[in-house]
Amino acid sequence: MPCSDACTFFIVILSGTEIRALVFQIKLHHSEGMNFNIEFNQAAFAHNITEDDIRFAFDTARYDGSIDEDESDNKYIIIGFDRKANPLEIMYNVIDENTINVFHAMKCRKNYLHLIKIRGEDNG
C-alpha cells in the first residue's frame, strides 16, 4: 500500500504468536525522512536499553510528541518498540535540524501507554 509520507510495516514472530504493529506516516518533529543523527547522553543507558534498541524504537515509533504542551522546553518523547517488540519510551532534545540527543530510554511505563494503541491491549 503506497504512503504519501514515510511508511513502515513491522512484524515480529514471538513464540508462535504474530504481533503486528503498523506504523503509518511517521514524522519526527524535527526530521524529514528519518535521516538524522542521534547522539546519546550516558543517562540514556541507565535502564539497560541498548543503542541498537533505541535506534530500532525510532524506526518503529508509534508516537512522537512534546513531553509538555509547551514545546519551548525542547523535550520530546517517542513510543516505539525494541527488537523483542517491547514498547519503549525514549526522550530526546533537538540539537539542530539534523541532530537529536537521547537522554532517557526505558521500558514504556503505563502512564505513557495511553499515547499508543496496541492491538489486544486495553490501555485505558
PDB file of N, CA and C in Angstrom:
ATOM      1  N   MET A   1       0.848  -1.174   0.000  1.00  0.00           N
ATOM      2  CA  MET A   1       0.000   0.000   0.000  1.00  0.00           C
ATOM      3  C   MET A   1       0.892   1.236   0.000  1.00  0.00           C
ATOM      4  N   PRO A   2       0.830   2.099  -1.002  1.00  0.00           N
ATOM      5  CA  PRO A   2       1.687   3.276  -1.043  1.00  0.00           C
ATOM      6  C   PRO A   2       1.274   4.307  -0.003  1.00  0.00           C
ATOM      7  N   CYS A   3       2.266   5.001   0.530  1.00  0.00           N
ATOM      8  CA  CYS A   3       2.038   6.074   1.506  1.00  0.00           C
ATOM      9  C   CYS A   3       2.570   7.362   0.911  1.00  0.00           C
ATOM     10  N   SER A   4       1.939   8.454   1.227  1.00  0.00           N
ATOM     11  CA  SER A   4       2.422   9.729   0.726  1.00  0.00           C
ATOM     12  C   SER A   4       3.635  10.197   1.519  1.00  0.00           C
ATOM     13  N   ASP A   5       3.776   9.745   2.758  1.00  0.00           N
ATOM     14  CA  ASP A   5       4.917  10.086   3.595  1.00  0.00           C
ATOM     15  C   ASP A   5       5.641   8.791   3.957  1.00  0.00           C
ATOM     16  N   ALA A   6       6.570   8.883   4.919  1.00  0.00           N
ATOM     17  CA  ALA A   6       7.300   7.686   5.355  1.00  0.00           C
ATOM     18  C   ALA A   6       6.311   6.641   5.846  1.00  0.00           C
ATOM     19  N   CYS A   7       6.558   5.363   5.529  1.00  0.00           N
ATOM     20  CA  CYS A   7       5.637   4.299   5.875  1.00  0.00           C
ATOM     21  C   CYS A   7       6.431   3.067   6.263  1.00  0.00           C
ATOM     22  N   THR A   8       6.034   2.391   7.338  1.00  0.00           N
ATOM     23  CA  THR A   8       6.741   1.207   7.815  1.00  0.00           C
ATOM     24  C   THR A   8       5.748   0.129   8.174  1.00  0.00           C
ATOM     25  N   PHE A   9       6.093  -1.132   7.881  1.00  0.00           N
ATOM     26  CA  PHE A   9       5.301  -2.270   8.328  1.00  0.00           C
ATOM     27  C   PHE A   9       6.242  -3.181   9.088  1.00  0.00           C
ATOM     28  N   PHE A  10       5.889  -3.553  10.307  1.00  0.00           N
ATOM     29  CA  PHE A  10       6.778  -4.258  11.217  1.00  0.00           C
ATOM     30  C   PHE A  10       6.080  -5.504  11.723  1.00  0.00           C
ATOM     31  N   ILE A  11       6.696  -6.698  11.519  1.00  0.00           N
ATOM     32  CA  ILE A  11       6.121  -7.953  12.006  1.00  0.00           C
ATOM     33  C   ILE A  11       7.177  -8.667  12.840  1.00  0.00           C
ATOM     34  N   VAL A  12       6.779  -9.181  14.002  1.00  0.00           N
ATOM     35  CA  VAL A  12       7.664  -9.974  14.849  1.00  0.00           C
ATOM     36  C   VAL A  12       6.972 -11.285  15.145  1.00  0.00           C
ATOM     37  N   ILE A  13       7.686 -12.395  15.011  1.00  0.00           N
ATOM     38  CA  ILE A  13       7.161 -13.694  15.406  1.00  0.00           C
ATOM     39  C   ILE A  13       7.790 -14.019  16.760  1.00  0.00           C
ATOM     40  N   LEU A  14       6.981 -14.213  17.773  1.00  0.00           N
ATOM     41  CA  LEU A  14       7.465 -14.462  19.124  1.00  0.00           C
ATOM     42  C   LEU A  14       6.679 -15.616  19.704  1.00  0.00           C
ATOM     43  N   SER A  15       7.340 -16.734  19.948  1.00  0.00           N
ATOM     44  CA  SER A  15       6.708 -17.940  20.499  1.00  0.00           C
ATOM     45  C   SER A  15       5.473 -18.334  19.702  1.00  0.00           C
ATOM     46  N   GLY A  16       5.554 -18.257  18.387  1.00  0.00           N
ATOM     47  CA  GLY A  16       4.445 -18.672  17.542  1.00  0.00           C
ATOM     48  C   GLY A  16       3.309 -17.666  17.478  1.00  0.00           C
ATOM     49  N   THR A  17       3.417 -16.566  18.182  1.00  0.00           N
ATOM     50  CA  THR A  17       2.368 -15.548  18.166  1.00  0.00           C
ATOM     51  C   THR A  17       2.817 -14.403  17.271  1.00  0.00           C
ATOM     52  N   GLU A  18       1.972 -14.036  16.361  1.00  0.00           N
ATOM     53  CA  GLU A  18       2.310 -12.933  15.465  1.00  0.00           C
ATOM     54  C   GLU A  18       1.842 -11.626  16.078  1.00  0.00           C
ATOM     55  N   ILE A  19       2.777 -10.730  16.269  1.00  0.00           N
ATOM     56  CA  ILE A  19       2.481  -9.402  16.804  1.00  0.00           C
ATOM     57  C   ILE A  19       2.683  -8.421  15.658  1.00  0.00           C
ATOM     58  N   ARG A  20       1.675  -7.684  15.357  1.00  0.00           N
ATOM     59  CA  ARG A  20       1.786  -6.724  14.259  1.00  0.00           C
ATOM     60  C   ARG A  20       1.629  -5.318  14.788  1.00  0.00           C
ATOM     61  N   ALA A  21       2.525  -4.471  14.381  1.00  0.00           N
ATOM     62  CA  ALA A  21       2.424  -3.057  14.708  1.00  0.00           C
ATOM     63  C   ALA A  21       2.560  -2.284  13.409  1.00  0.00           C
ATOM     64  N   LEU A  22       1.516  -1.619  13.012  1.00  0.00           N
ATOM     65  CA  LEU A  22       1.561  -0.803  11.805  1.00  0.00           C
ATOM     66  C   LEU A  22       1.928   0.614  12.186  1.00  0.00           C
ATOM     67  N   VAL A  23       2.890   1.130  11.498  1.00  0.00           N
ATOM     68  CA  VAL A  23       3.332   2.490  11.757  1.00  0.00           C
ATOM     69  C   VAL A  23       3.191   3.253  10.446  1.00  0.00           C
ATOM     70  N   PHE A  24       2.239   4.161  10.389  1.00  0.00           N
ATOM     71  CA  PHE A  24       1.999   4.909   9.174  1.00  0.00           C
ATOM     72  C   PHE A  24       2.381   6.374   9.347  1.00  0.00           C
ATOM     73  N   GLN A  25       2.935   6.911   8.303  1.00  0.00           N
ATOM     74  CA  GLN A  25       3.248   8.324   8.218  1.00  0.00           C
ATOM     75  C   GLN A  25       4.025   8.800   9.427  1.00  0.00           C
ATOM     76  N   ILE A  26       5.126   8.098   9.687  1.00  0.00           N
ATOM     77  CA  ILE A  26       5.991   8.509  10.790  1.00  0.00           C
ATOM     78  C   ILE A  26       6.640   9.831  10.411  1.00  0.00           C
ATOM     79  N   LYS A  27       6.463  10.785  11.255  1.00  0.00           N
ATOM     80  CA  LYS A  27       7.112  12.062  11.049  1.00  0.00           C
ATOM     81  C   LYS A  27       7.660  12.514  12.400  1.00  0.00           C
ATOM     82  N   LEU A  28       8.954  12.453  12.575  1.00  0.00           N
ATOM     83  CA  LEU A  28       9.522  13.013  13.782  1.00  0.00           C
ATOM     84  C   LEU A  28       9.421  14.528  13.674  1.00  0.00           C
ATOM     85  N   HIS A  29       9.253  15.174  14.792  1.00  0.00           N
ATOM     86  CA  HIS A  29       9.023  16.612  14.789  1.00  0.00           C
ATOM     87  C   HIS A  29      10.090  17.421  14.065  1.00  0.00           C
ATOM     88  N   HIS A  30      11.319  16.954  14.097  1.00  0.00           N
ATOM     89  CA  HIS A  30      12.393  17.803  13.594  1.00  0.00           C
ATOM     90  C   HIS A  30      13.248  17.117  12.541  1.00  0.00           C
ATOM     91  N   SER A  31      12.703  16.126  11.868  1.00  0.00           N
ATOM     92  CA  SER A  31      13.481  15.464  10.822  1.00  0.00           C
ATOM     93  C   SER A  31      12.575  15.107   9.663  1.00  0.00           C
ATOM     94  N   GLU A  32      13.146  15.018   8.517  1.00  0.00           N
ATOM     95  CA  GLU A  32      12.407  14.675   7.310  1.00  0.00           C
ATOM     96  C   GLU A  32      12.955  13.353   6.795  1.00  0.00           C
ATOM     97  N   GLY A  33      12.116  12.366   6.624  1.00  0.00           N
ATOM     98  CA  GLY A  33      12.541  11.108   6.064  1.00  0.00           C
ATOM     99  C   GLY A  33      13.407  10.261   6.982  1.00  0.00           C
ATOM    100  N   MET A  34      13.364  10.475   8.266  1.00  0.00           N
ATOM    101  CA  MET A  34      14.092   9.692   9.251  1.00  0.00           C
ATOM    102  C   MET A  34      15.604   9.773   9.068  1.00  0.00           C
ATOM    103  N   ASN A  35      16.119  10.757   8.352  1.00  0.00           N
ATOM    104  CA  ASN A  35      17.550  10.918   8.173  1.00  0.00           C
ATOM    105  C   ASN A  35      18.054  11.977   9.137  1.00  0.00           C
ATOM    106  N   PHE A  36      18.513  11.511  10.303  1.00  0.00           N
ATOM    107  CA  PHE A  36      19.032  12.423  11.303  1.00  0.00           C
ATOM    108  C   PHE A  36      20.072  11.698  12.127  1.00  0.00           C
ATOM    109  N   ASN A  37      20.923  12.457  12.780  1.00  0.00           N
ATOM    110  CA  ASN A  37      21.956  11.894  13.649  1.00  0.00           C
ATOM    111  C   ASN A  37      21.407  11.797  15.059  1.00  0.00           C
ATOM    112  N   ILE A  38      21.739  10.701  15.728  1.00  0.00           N
ATOM    113  CA  ILE A  38      21.334  10.530  17.119  1.00  0.00           C
ATOM    114  C   ILE A  38      22.577  10.543  17.988  1.00  0.00           C
ATOM    115  N   GLU A  39      22.626  11.477  18.933  1.00  0.00           N
ATOM    116  CA  GLU A  39      23.660  11.494  19.953  1.00  0.00           C
ATOM    117  C   GLU A  39      23.045  10.919  21.220  1.00  0.00           C
ATOM    118  N   PHE A  40      23.878  10.321  22.049  1.00  0.00           N
ATOM    119  CA  PHE A  40      23.378   9.670  23.257  1.00  0.00           C
ATOM    120  C   PHE A  40      24.036  10.256  24.500  1.00  0.00           C
ATOM    121  N   ASN A  41      23.201  10.754  25.417  1.00  0.00           N
ATOM    122  CA  ASN A  41      23.666  11.121  26.744  1.00  0.00           C
ATOM    123  C   ASN A  41      23.861   9.821  27.501  1.00  0.00           C
ATOM    124  N   GLN A  42      24.860   9.732  28.358  1.00  0.00           N
ATOM    125  CA  GLN A  42      25.112   8.493  29.095  1.00  0.00           C
ATOM    126  C   GLN A  42      23.882   8.062  29.904  1.00  0.00           C
ATOM    127  N   ALA A  43      23.077   9.010  30.347  1.00  0.00           N
ATOM    128  CA  ALA A  43      21.867   8.700  31.127  1.00  0.00           C
ATOM    129  C   ALA A  43      20.869   7.862  30.317  1.00  0.00           C
ATOM    130  N   ALA A  44      20.959   7.896  29.001  1.00  0.00           N
ATOM    131  CA  ALA A  44      20.035   7.124  28.158  1.00  0.00           C
ATOM    132  C   ALA A  44      20.180   5.628  28.385  1.00  0.00           C
ATOM    133  N   PHE A  45      21.306   5.198  28.913  1.00  0.00           N
ATOM    134  CA  PHE A  45      21.569   3.776  29.097  1.00  0.00           C
ATOM    135  C   PHE A  45      21.377   3.324  30.546  1.00  0.00           C
ATOM    136  N   ALA A  46      20.842   4.177  31.396  1.00  0.00           N
ATOM    137  CA  ALA A  46      20.685   3.876  32.819  1.00  0.00           C
ATOM    138  C   ALA A  46      19.746   2.694  33.079  1.00  0.00           C
ATOM    139  N   HIS A  47      18.807   2.435  32.166  1.00  0.00           N
ATOM    140  CA  HIS A  47      17.842   1.343  32.351  1.00  0.00           C
ATOM    141  C   HIS A  47      18.174   0.131  31.473  1.00  0.00           C
ATOM    142  N   ASN A  48      19.438   0.030  31.062  1.00  0.00           N
ATOM    143  CA  ASN A  48      19.942  -1.111  30.292  1.00  0.00           C
ATOM    144  C   ASN A  48      19.276  -1.298  28.930  1.00  0.00           C
ATOM    145  N   ILE A  49      18.849  -0.209  28.329  1.00  0.00           N
ATOM    146  CA  ILE A  49      18.359  -0.246  26.953  1.00  0.00           C
ATOM    147  C   ILE A  49      19.568   0.026  26.051  1.00  0.00           C
ATOM    148  N   THR A  50      19.759  -0.802  25.032  1.00  0.00           N
ATOM    149  CA  THR A  50      20.936  -0.673  24.173  1.00  0.00           C
ATOM    150  C   THR A  50      20.744   0.404  23.100  1.00  0.00           C
ATOM    151  N   GLU A  51      21.852   0.849  22.548  1.00  0.00           N
ATOM    152  CA  GLU A  51      21.797   1.814  21.455  1.00  0.00           C
ATOM    153  C   GLU A  51      21.020   1.240  20.268  1.00  0.00           C
ATOM    154  N   ASP A  52      21.239  -0.036  19.965  1.00  0.00           N
ATOM    155  CA  ASP A  52      20.517  -0.668  18.854  1.00  0.00           C
ATOM    156  C   ASP A  52      19.009  -0.666  19.100  1.00  0.00           C
ATOM    157  N   ASP A  53      18.579  -0.944  20.336  1.00  0.00           N
ATOM    158  CA  ASP A  53      17.143  -0.932  20.634  1.00  0.00           C
ATOM    159  C   ASP A  53      16.575   0.480  20.593  1.00  0.00           C
ATOM    160  N   ILE A  54      17.359   1.466  20.992  1.00  0.00           N
ATOM    161  CA  ILE A  54      16.896   2.860  20.899  1.00  0.00           C
ATOM    162  C   ILE A  54      16.700   3.240  19.435  1.00  0.00           C
ATOM    163  N   ARG A  55      17.657   2.915  18.603  1.00  0.00           N
ATOM    164  CA  ARG A  55      17.529   3.220  17.177  1.00  0.00           C
ATOM    165  C   ARG A  55      16.336   2.476  16.566  1.00  0.00           C
ATOM    166  N   PHE A  56      16.141   1.227  16.974  1.00  0.00           N
ATOM    167  CA  PHE A  56      15.008   0.446  16.487  1.00  0.00           C
ATOM    168  C   PHE A  56      13.690   1.088  16.918  1.00  0.00           C
ATOM    169  N   ALA A  57      13.651   1.628  18.138  1.00  0.00           N
ATOM    170  CA  ALA A  57      12.445   2.313  18.619  1.00  0.00           C
ATOM    171  C   ALA A  57      12.106   3.520  17.747  1.00  0.00           C
ATOM    172  N   PHE A  58      13.118   4.260  17.291  1.00  0.00           N
ATOM    173  CA  PHE A  58      12.857   5.368  16.375  1.00  0.00           C
ATOM    174  C   PHE A  58      12.293   4.849  15.051  1.00  0.00           C
ATOM    175  N   ASP A  59      12.817   3.730  14.580  1.00  0.00           N
ATOM    176  CA  ASP A  59      12.331   3.162  13.316  1.00  0.00           C
ATOM    177  C   ASP A  59      10.899   2.646  13.429  1.00  0.00           C
ATOM    178  N   THR A  60      10.461   2.275  14.627  1.00  0.00           N
ATOM    179  CA  THR A  60       9.124   1.694  14.824  1.00  0.00           C
ATOM    180  C   THR A  60       8.216   2.610  15.640  1.00  0.00           C
ATOM    181  N   ALA A  61       8.534   3.876  15.678  1.00  0.00           N
ATOM    182  CA  ALA A  61       7.796   4.830  16.524  1.00  0.00           C
ATOM    183  C   ALA A  61       6.303   4.829  16.223  1.00  0.00           C
ATOM    184  N   ARG A  62       5.514   4.729  17.271  1.00  0.00           N
ATOM    185  CA  ARG A  62       4.051   4.822  17.161  1.00  0.00           C
ATOM    186  C   ARG A  62       3.557   6.184  17.614  1.00  0.00           C
ATOM    187  N   TYR A  63       4.379   6.889  18.392  1.00  0.00           N
ATOM    188  CA  TYR A  63       4.013   8.221  18.870  1.00  0.00           C
ATOM    189  C   TYR A  63       5.278   9.056  18.937  1.00  0.00           C
ATOM    190  N   ASP A  64       5.160  10.313  18.579  1.00  0.00           N
ATOM    191  CA  ASP A  64       6.257  11.274  18.710  1.00  0.00           C
ATOM    192  C   ASP A  64       5.641  12.616  19.032  1.00  0.00           C
ATOM    193  N   GLY A  65       5.986  13.162  20.182  1.00  0.00           N
ATOM    194  CA  GLY A  65       5.417  14.447  20.562  1.00  0.00           C
ATOM    195  C   GLY A  65       6.183  15.102  21.685  1.00  0.00           C
ATOM    196  N   SER A  66       5.775  16.308  21.996  1.00  0.00           N
ATOM    197  CA  SER A  66       6.388  17.057  23.088  1.00  0.00           C
ATOM    198  C   SER A  66       5.994  16.419  24.415  1.00  0.00           C
ATOM    199  N   ILE A  67       6.924  16.404  25.356  1.00  0.00           N
ATOM    200  CA  ILE A  67       6.619  15.862  26.684  1.00  0.00           C
ATOM    201  C   ILE A  67       5.591  16.755  27.377  1.00  0.00           C
ATOM    202  N   ASP A  68       5.760  18.053  27.231  1.00  0.00           N
ATOM    203  CA  ASP A  68       4.822  19.023  27.796  1.00  0.00           C
ATOM    204  C   ASP A  68       4.083  19.719  26.662  1.00  0.00           C
ATOM    205  N   GLU A  69       2.977  20.329  26.992  1.00  0.00           N
ATOM    206  CA  GLU A  69       2.224  21.061  25.974  1.00  0.00           C
ATOM    207  C   GLU A  69       3.034  22.217  25.407  1.00  0.00           C
ATOM    208  N   ASP A  70       3.911  22.777  26.227  1.00  0.00           N
ATOM    209  CA  ASP A  70       4.751  23.892  25.812  1.00  0.00           C
ATOM    210  C   ASP A  70       6.021  23.332  25.167  1.00  0.00           C
ATOM    211  N   GLU A  71       6.114  23.393  23.837  1.00  0.00           N
ATOM    212  CA  GLU A  71       7.264  22.831  23.132  1.00  0.00           C
ATOM    213  C   GLU A  71       8.533  23.648  23.318  1.00  0.00           C
ATOM    214  N   SER A  72       8.475  24.778  24.001  1.00  0.00           N
ATOM    215  CA  SER A  72       9.660  25.616  24.160  1.00  0.00           C
ATOM    216  C   SER A  72      10.703  24.979  25.073  1.00  0.00           C
ATOM    217  N   ASP A  73      10.333  23.939  25.843  1.00  0.00           N
ATOM    218  CA  ASP A  73      11.315  23.303  26.718  1.00  0.00           C
ATOM    219  C   ASP A  73      12.206  22.306  25.976  1.00  0.00           C
ATOM    220  N   ASN A  74      11.908  22.023  24.688  1.00  0.00           N
ATOM    221  CA  ASN A  74      12.740  21.174  23.835  1.00  0.00           C
ATOM    222  C   ASN A  74      12.919  19.765  24.398  1.00  0.00           C
ATOM    223  N   LYS A  75      11.854  19.190  24.934  1.00  0.00           N
ATOM    224  CA  LYS A  75      11.888  17.808  25.411  1.00  0.00           C
ATOM    225  C   LYS A  75      10.766  17.046  24.716  1.00  0.00           C
ATOM    226  N   TYR A  76      11.154  15.964  24.022  1.00  0.00           N
ATOM    227  CA  TYR A  76      10.210  15.186  23.234  1.00  0.00           C
ATOM    228  C   TYR A  76      10.266  13.720  23.633  1.00  0.00           C
ATOM    229  N   ILE A  77       9.184  13.002  23.341  1.00  0.00           N
ATOM    230  CA  ILE A  77       9.097  11.580  23.650  1.00  0.00           C
ATOM    231  C   ILE A  77       8.621  10.825  22.422  1.00  0.00           C
ATOM    232  N   ILE A  78       9.233   9.671  22.194  1.00  0.00           N
ATOM    233  CA  ILE A  78       8.679   8.730  21.232  1.00  0.00           C
ATOM    234  C   ILE A  78       8.327   7.465  21.987  1.00  0.00           C
ATOM    235  N   ILE A  79       7.301   6.789  21.516  1.00  0.00           N
ATOM    236  CA  ILE A  79       6.976   5.445  21.979  1.00  0.00           C
ATOM    237  C   ILE A  79       7.187   4.543  20.770  1.00  0.00           C
ATOM    238  N   GLY A  80       8.155   3.655  20.886  1.00  0.00           N
ATOM    239  CA  GLY A  80       8.469   2.707  19.823  1.00  0.00           C
ATOM    240  C   GLY A  80       8.705   1.341  20.440  1.00  0.00           C
ATOM    241  N   PHE A  81       9.297   0.454  19.668  1.00  0.00           N
ATOM    242  CA  PHE A  81       9.495  -0.923  20.140  1.00  0.00           C
ATOM    243  C   PHE A  81      10.966  -1.298  20.094  1.00  0.00           C
ATOM    244  N   ASP A  82      11.377  -2.162  21.039  1.00  0.00           N
ATOM    245  CA  ASP A  82      12.711  -2.740  20.946  1.00  0.00           C
ATOM    246  C   ASP A  82      12.670  -3.924  19.990  1.00  0.00           C
ATOM    247  N   ARG A  83      13.788  -4.602  19.828  1.00  0.00           N
ATOM    248  CA  ARG A  83      13.865  -5.694  18.851  1.00  0.00           C
ATOM    249  C   ARG A  83      13.111  -6.941  19.290  1.00  0.00           C
ATOM    250  N   LYS A  84      12.598  -6.953  20.527  1.00  0.00           N
ATOM    251  CA  LYS A  84      11.763  -8.063  21.004  1.00  0.00           C
ATOM    252  C   LYS A  84      10.291  -7.647  21.073  1.00  0.00           C
ATOM    253  N   ALA A  85       9.963  -6.527  20.464  1.00  0.00           N
ATOM    254  CA  ALA A  85       8.601  -5.981  20.376  1.00  0.00           C
ATOM    255  C   ALA A  85       8.057  -5.466  21.692  1.00  0.00           C
ATOM    256  N   ASN A  86       8.936  -5.126  22.640  1.00  0.00           N
ATOM    257  CA  ASN A  86       8.504  -4.481  23.888  1.00  0.00           C
ATOM    258  C   ASN A  86       8.413  -2.980  23.660  1.00  0.00           C
ATOM    259  N   PRO A  87       7.359  -2.330  24.134  1.00  0.00           N
ATOM    260  CA  PRO A  87       7.275  -0.874  23.955  1.00  0.00           C
ATOM    261  C   PRO A  87       8.311  -0.155  24.813  1.00  0.00           C
ATOM    262  N   LEU A  88       8.942   0.855  24.210  1.00  0.00           N
ATOM    263  CA  LEU A  88       9.929   1.674  24.901  1.00  0.00           C
ATOM    264  C   LEU A  88       9.497   3.122  24.883  1.00  0.00           C
ATOM    265  N   GLU A  89       9.862   3.849  25.920  1.00  0.00           N
ATOM    266  CA  GLU A  89       9.732   5.313  25.930  1.00  0.00           C
ATOM    267  C   GLU A  89      11.131   5.879  25.775  1.00  0.00           C
ATOM    268  N   ILE A  90      11.291   6.753  24.803  1.00  0.00           N
ATOM    269  CA  ILE A  90      12.577   7.385  24.512  1.00  0.00           C
ATOM    270  C   ILE A  90      12.356   8.893  24.564  1.00  0.00           C
ATOM    271  N   MET A  91      13.168   9.581  25.368  1.00  0.00           N
ATOM    272  CA  MET A  91      13.063  11.041  25.453  1.00  0.00           C
ATOM    273  C   MET A  91      14.310  11.668  24.859  1.00  0.00           C
ATOM    274  N   TYR A  92      14.091  12.787  24.165  1.00  0.00           N
ATOM    275  CA  TYR A  92      15.207  13.414  23.463  1.00  0.00           C
ATOM    276  C   TYR A  92      15.031  14.922  23.383  1.00  0.00           C
ATOM    277  N   ASN A  93      16.165  15.595  23.085  1.00  0.00           N
ATOM    278  CA  ASN A  93      16.187  17.028  22.792  1.00  0.00           C
ATOM    279  C   ASN A  93      16.625  17.199  21.348  1.00  0.00           C
ATOM    280  N   VAL A  94      16.237  18.292  20.751  1.00  0.00           N
ATOM    281  CA  VAL A  94      16.681  18.619  19.398  1.00  0.00           C
ATOM    282  C   VAL A  94      17.909  19.512  19.515  1.00  0.00           C
ATOM    283  N   ILE A  95      18.998  19.071  18.892  1.00  0.00           N
ATOM    284  CA  ILE A  95      20.235  19.852  18.886  1.00  0.00           C
ATOM    285  C   ILE A  95      20.206  20.843  17.716  1.00  0.00           C
ATOM    286  N   ASP A  96      19.918  20.341  16.532  1.00  0.00           N
ATOM    287  CA  ASP A  96      19.734  21.170  15.347  1.00  0.00           C
ATOM    288  C   ASP A  96      18.819  20.405  14.400  1.00  0.00           C
ATOM    289  N   GLU A  97      18.623  20.901  13.190  1.00  0.00           N
ATOM    290  CA  GLU A  97      17.651  20.279  12.275  1.00  0.00           C
ATOM    291  C   GLU A  97      18.031  18.868  11.855  1.00  0.00           C
ATOM    292  N   ASN A  98      19.285  18.462  12.067  1.00  0.00           N
ATOM    293  CA  ASN A  98      19.729  17.127  11.680  1.00  0.00           C
ATOM    294  C   ASN A  98      20.145  16.242  12.848  1.00  0.00           C
ATOM    295  N   THR A  99      20.104  16.766  14.073  1.00  0.00           N
ATOM    296  CA  THR A  99      20.667  16.033  15.205  1.00  0.00           C
ATOM    297  C   THR A  99      19.747  16.096  16.410  1.00  0.00           C
ATOM    298  N   ILE A 100      19.572  14.928  17.053  1.00  0.00           N
ATOM    299  CA  ILE A 100      18.858  14.874  18.324  1.00  0.00           C
ATOM    300  C   ILE A 100      19.767  14.249  19.374  1.00  0.00           C
ATOM    301  N   ASN A 101      19.462  14.513  20.640  1.00  0.00           N
ATOM    302  CA  ASN A 101      20.204  13.959  21.757  1.00  0.00           C
ATOM    303  C   ASN A 101      19.241  13.154  22.630  1.00  0.00           C
ATOM    304  N   VAL A 102      19.452  11.834  22.693  1.00  0.00           N
ATOM    305  CA  VAL A 102      18.620  10.967  23.526  1.00  0.00           C
ATOM    306  C   VAL A 102      19.170  11.010  24.945  1.00  0.00           C
ATOM    307  N   PHE A 103      18.310  11.356  25.911  1.00  0.00           N
ATOM    308  CA  PHE A 103      18.755  11.440  27.304  1.00  0.00           C
ATOM    309  C   PHE A 103      18.030  10.458  28.224  1.00  0.00           C
ATOM    310  N   HIS A 104      17.050   9.703  27.693  1.00  0.00           N
ATOM    311  CA  HIS A 104      16.283   8.771  28.525  1.00  0.00           C
ATOM    312  C   HIS A 104      15.737   7.654  27.646  1.00  0.00           C
ATOM    313  N   ALA A 105      15.846   6.412  28.139  1.00  0.00           N
ATOM    314  CA  ALA A 105      15.285   5.261  27.430  1.00  0.00           C
ATOM    315  C   ALA A 105      14.980   4.176  28.452  1.00  0.00           C
ATOM    316  N   MET A 106      13.747   3.666  28.408  1.00  0.00           N
ATOM    317  CA  MET A 106      13.366   2.572  29.298  1.00  0.00           C
ATOM    318  C   MET A 106      12.127   1.884  28.762  1.00  0.00           C
ATOM    319  N   LYS A 107      11.794   0.718  29.363  1.00  0.00           N
ATOM    320  CA  LYS A 107      10.536   0.073  29.011  1.00  0.00           C
ATOM    321  C   LYS A 107       9.422   1.066  29.285  1.00  0.00           C
ATOM    322  N   CYS A 108       8.458   1.117  28.389  1.00  0.00           N
ATOM    323  CA  CYS A 108       7.401   2.113  28.474  1.00  0.00           C
ATOM    324  C   CYS A 108       6.548   1.904  29.727  1.00  0.00           C
ATOM    325  N   ARG A 109       6.399   2.975  30.500  1.00  0.00           N
ATOM    326  CA  ARG A 109       5.569   2.930  31.700  1.00  0.00           C
ATOM    327  C   ARG A 109       4.102   3.089  31.327  1.00  0.00           C
ATOM    328  N   LYS A 110       3.243   2.597  32.219  1.00  0.00           N
ATOM    329  CA  LYS A 110       1.795   2.627  31.968  1.00  0.00           C
ATOM    330  C   LYS A 110       1.285   4.041  31.719  1.00  0.00           C
ATOM    331  N   ASN A 111       1.876   5.038  32.370  1.00  0.00           N
ATOM    332  CA  ASN A 111       1.367   6.395  32.196  1.00  0.00           C
ATOM    333  C   ASN A 111       1.643   6.965  30.799  1.00  0.00           C
ATOM    334  N   TYR A 112       2.456   6.286  29.978  1.00  0.00           N
ATOM    335  CA  TYR A 112       2.663   6.713  28.593  1.00  0.00           C
ATOM    336  C   TYR A 112       2.007   5.791  27.572  1.00  0.00           C
ATOM    337  N   LEU A 113       1.571   4.610  27.988  1.00  0.00           N
ATOM    338  CA  LEU A 113       0.967   3.677  27.041  1.00  0.00           C
ATOM    339  C   LEU A 113      -0.315   4.210  26.412  1.00  0.00           C
ATOM    340  N   HIS A 114      -0.980   5.135  27.095  1.00  0.00           N
ATOM    341  CA  HIS A 114      -2.205   5.699  26.512  1.00  0.00           C
ATOM    342  C   HIS A 114      -1.923   6.449  25.206  1.00  0.00           C
ATOM    343  N   LEU A 115      -0.661   6.783  24.964  1.00  0.00           N
ATOM    344  CA  LEU A 115      -0.305   7.515  23.757  1.00  0.00           C
ATOM    345  C   LEU A 115      -0.372   6.655  22.508  1.00  0.00           C
ATOM    346  N   ILE A 116      -0.371   5.337  22.698  1.00  0.00           N
ATOM    347  CA  ILE A 116      -0.465   4.412  21.566  1.00  0.00           C
ATOM    348  C   ILE A 116      -1.559   3.403  21.830  1.00  0.00           C
ATOM    349  N   LYS A 117      -1.958   2.703  20.799  1.00  0.00           N
ATOM    350  CA  LYS A 117      -2.938   1.632  20.926  1.00  0.00           C
ATOM    351  C   LYS A 117      -2.312   0.381  20.343  1.00  0.00           C
ATOM    352  N   ILE A 118      -2.125  -0.634  21.179  1.00  0.00           N
ATOM    353  CA  ILE A 118      -1.563  -1.907  20.727  1.00  0.00           C
ATOM    354  C   ILE A 118      -2.715  -2.896  20.649  1.00  0.00           C
ATOM    355  N   ARG A 119      -2.846  -3.544  19.501  1.00  0.00           N
ATOM    356  CA  ARG A 119      -3.926  -4.498  19.289  1.00  0.00           C
ATOM    357  C   ARG A 119      -3.927  -5.539  20.406  1.00  0.00           C
ATOM    358  N   GLY A 120      -5.115  -5.779  20.983  1.00  0.00           N
ATOM    359  CA  GLY A 120      -5.262  -6.801  22.022  1.00  0.00           C
ATOM    360  C   GLY A 120      -5.029  -6.286  23.427  1.00  0.00           C
ATOM    361  N   GLU A 121      -4.616  -5.030  23.559  1.00  0.00           N
ATOM    362  CA  GLU A 121      -4.404  -4.469  24.900  1.00  0.00           C
ATOM    363  C   GLU A 121      -5.373  -3.334  25.115  1.00  0.00           C
ATOM    364  N   ASP A 122      -5.832  -3.204  26.335  1.00  0.00           N
ATOM    365  CA  ASP A 122      -6.685  -2.074  26.717  1.00  0.00           C
ATOM    366  C   ASP A 122      -5.817  -1.127  27.522  1.00  0.00           C
ATOM    367  N   ASN A 123      -5.422  -0.011  26.896  1.00  0.00           N
ATOM    368  CA  ASN A 123      -4.547   0.932  27.545  1.00  0.00           C
ATOM    369  C   ASN A 123      -5.301   2.033  28.263  1.00  0.00           C
ATOM    370  N   GLY A 124      -6.582   1.823  28.494  1.00  0.00           N
ATOM    371  CA  GLY A 124      -7.368   2.744  29.295  1.00  0.00           C
ATOM    372  C   GLY A 124      -7.855   3.907  28.561  1.00  0.00           C
TER     373      GLY A 124
END
